[in-house]
Amino acid sequence: MLLGKVIGTVVSTRKEPELEGLRFMLVRELDNQWKATGKVIVAVDAMNSGEGEVVLFAAGSSARQTAVTKDRPVDHVIMAIVDTVTVEGDVVFEKMQSYEDR
């Protein structure tokens, strides 16, 4: 699993039938210092996430293991919305705190 921030959406009205009904989000990967890595991916949104939220996402064959993406041709899936991250007893992220304040 990887940490990322949802930065936008992708709309595609014409696509393979296996992708019908899926919602696509742009996710920027975050490093262990909570900084954007610069890498942006398109992920299927299995959690109804929103722009600005920190999420957990999976890549590769693991992305096809959710109920939403099972046996579909996807490489990335948002599978959790992060509420809190604690490292060595210190809270380093809380959803209620604005991400831009970090």
Protein backbone atom coordinates (compact mmCIF):
# COMPACT_ATOMS: atom_id res chain seq x y z
CA MET A 1 0.00 0.00 0.00
CA LEU A 2 1.08 3.54 -0.73
CA LEU A 3 0.09 6.94 0.64
CA GLY A 4 -1.13 9.63 -1.71
CA LYS A 5 -3.18 12.80 -1.94
CA VAL A 6 -6.15 13.08 -4.29
CA ILE A 7 -5.50 16.09 -6.52
CA GLY A 8 -8.24 15.78 -9.12
CA THR A 9 -10.56 13.65 -11.22
CA VAL A 10 -10.46 12.05 -14.64
CA VAL A 11 -13.67 11.81 -16.68
CA SER A 12 -13.88 9.38 -19.56
CA THR A 13 -17.21 8.85 -21.30
CA ARG A 14 -15.82 6.34 -23.82
CA LYS A 15 -14.02 3.34 -22.34
CA GLU A 16 -13.86 -0.43 -22.30
CA PRO A 17 -17.05 -2.04 -20.95
CA GLU A 18 -15.11 -3.47 -17.97
CA LEU A 19 -14.43 0.10 -16.84
CA GLU A 20 -18.05 1.28 -16.99
CA GLY A 21 -19.29 2.68 -13.69
CA LEU A 22 -15.81 3.23 -12.22
CA ARG A 23 -14.70 6.62 -10.90
CA PHE A 24 -11.15 7.75 -11.72
CA MET A 25 -9.07 10.04 -9.50
CA LEU A 26 -5.66 11.68 -9.92
CA VAL A 27 -3.43 10.78 -6.98
CA ARG A 28 -0.02 12.27 -6.19
CA GLU A 29 2.17 9.88 -4.23
CA LEU A 30 3.53 11.11 -0.87
CA ASP A 31 6.92 10.24 0.59
CA ASN A 32 7.71 9.50 4.26
CA GLN A 33 8.12 13.25 4.94
CA TRP A 34 4.57 13.96 3.65
CA LYS A 35 5.99 15.67 0.56
CA ALA A 36 4.65 15.04 -2.93
CA THR A 37 6.98 12.83 -4.95
CA GLY A 38 5.96 14.42 -8.22
CA LYS A 39 4.58 11.13 -9.49
CA VAL A 40 0.87 11.34 -10.41
CA ILE A 41 -1.22 8.26 -11.17
CA VAL A 42 -4.82 7.58 -12.15
CA ALA A 43 -6.56 5.31 -9.65
CA VAL A 44 -9.98 3.73 -9.55
CA ASP A 45 -11.80 5.11 -6.52
CA ALA A 46 -13.34 2.29 -4.47
CA MET A 47 -13.96 4.60 -1.46
CA ASN A 48 -15.70 7.69 -2.89
CA SER A 49 -12.77 9.89 -1.90
CA GLY A 50 -12.58 13.60 -2.59
CA GLU A 51 -10.02 16.09 -3.78
CA GLY A 52 -7.52 16.97 -1.04
CA GLU A 53 -7.95 13.73 0.92
CA VAL A 54 -5.01 11.55 1.90
CA VAL A 55 -5.63 7.98 0.79
CA LEU A 56 -4.09 4.53 0.75
CA PHE A 57 -3.80 3.05 -2.71
CA ALA A 58 -2.56 -0.22 -4.14
CA ALA A 59 -0.73 -0.82 -7.39
CA GLY A 60 -0.32 -3.74 -9.78
CA SER A 61 -2.16 -7.01 -9.29
CA SER A 62 -3.16 -5.93 -5.76
CA ALA A 63 -5.30 -3.22 -7.35
CA ARG A 64 -7.58 -5.92 -8.74
CA GLN A 65 -8.39 -7.41 -5.31
CA THR A 66 -11.21 -5.09 -4.18
CA ALA A 67 -14.88 -5.81 -4.77
CA VAL A 68 -15.03 -2.81 -7.12
CA THR A 69 -11.99 -3.75 -9.23
CA LYS A 70 -12.05 -7.57 -9.21
CA ASP A 71 -11.03 -8.92 -12.63
CA ARG A 72 -10.98 -5.43 -14.18
CA PRO A 73 -8.03 -4.00 -16.16
CA VAL A 74 -6.77 -1.51 -13.55
CA ASP A 75 -3.29 -0.82 -12.16
CA HIS A 76 -4.17 1.42 -9.18
CA VAL A 77 -7.07 1.56 -6.72
CA ILE A 78 -7.90 3.84 -3.80
CA MET A 79 -8.88 1.43 -1.05
CA ALA A 80 -8.91 3.58 2.10
CA ILE A 81 -9.28 7.20 3.18
CA VAL A 82 -6.74 8.06 5.89
CA ASP A 83 -8.03 9.55 9.15
CA THR A 84 -4.88 9.54 11.30
CA VAL A 85 -1.24 8.49 10.99
CA THR A 86 0.90 8.02 14.10
CA VAL A 87 4.67 7.45 13.97
CA GLU A 88 6.54 6.47 17.14
CA GLY A 89 3.75 7.86 19.29
CA ASP A 90 3.49 11.20 17.48
CA VAL A 91 0.47 12.06 15.35
CA VAL A 92 1.93 13.15 12.01
CA PHE A 93 -1.36 13.47 10.15
CA GLU A 94 -4.99 14.03 11.13
CA LYS A 95 -7.75 14.32 8.57
CA MET A 96 -9.41 17.21 10.39
CA GLN A 97 -6.23 19.28 10.05
CA SER A 98 -5.81 21.01 6.70
CA TYR A 99 -3.16 19.29 4.61
CA GLU A 100 -1.81 22.65 3.44
CA ASP A 101 -1.04 23.60 7.07
CA ARG A 102 1.69 20.93 7.22
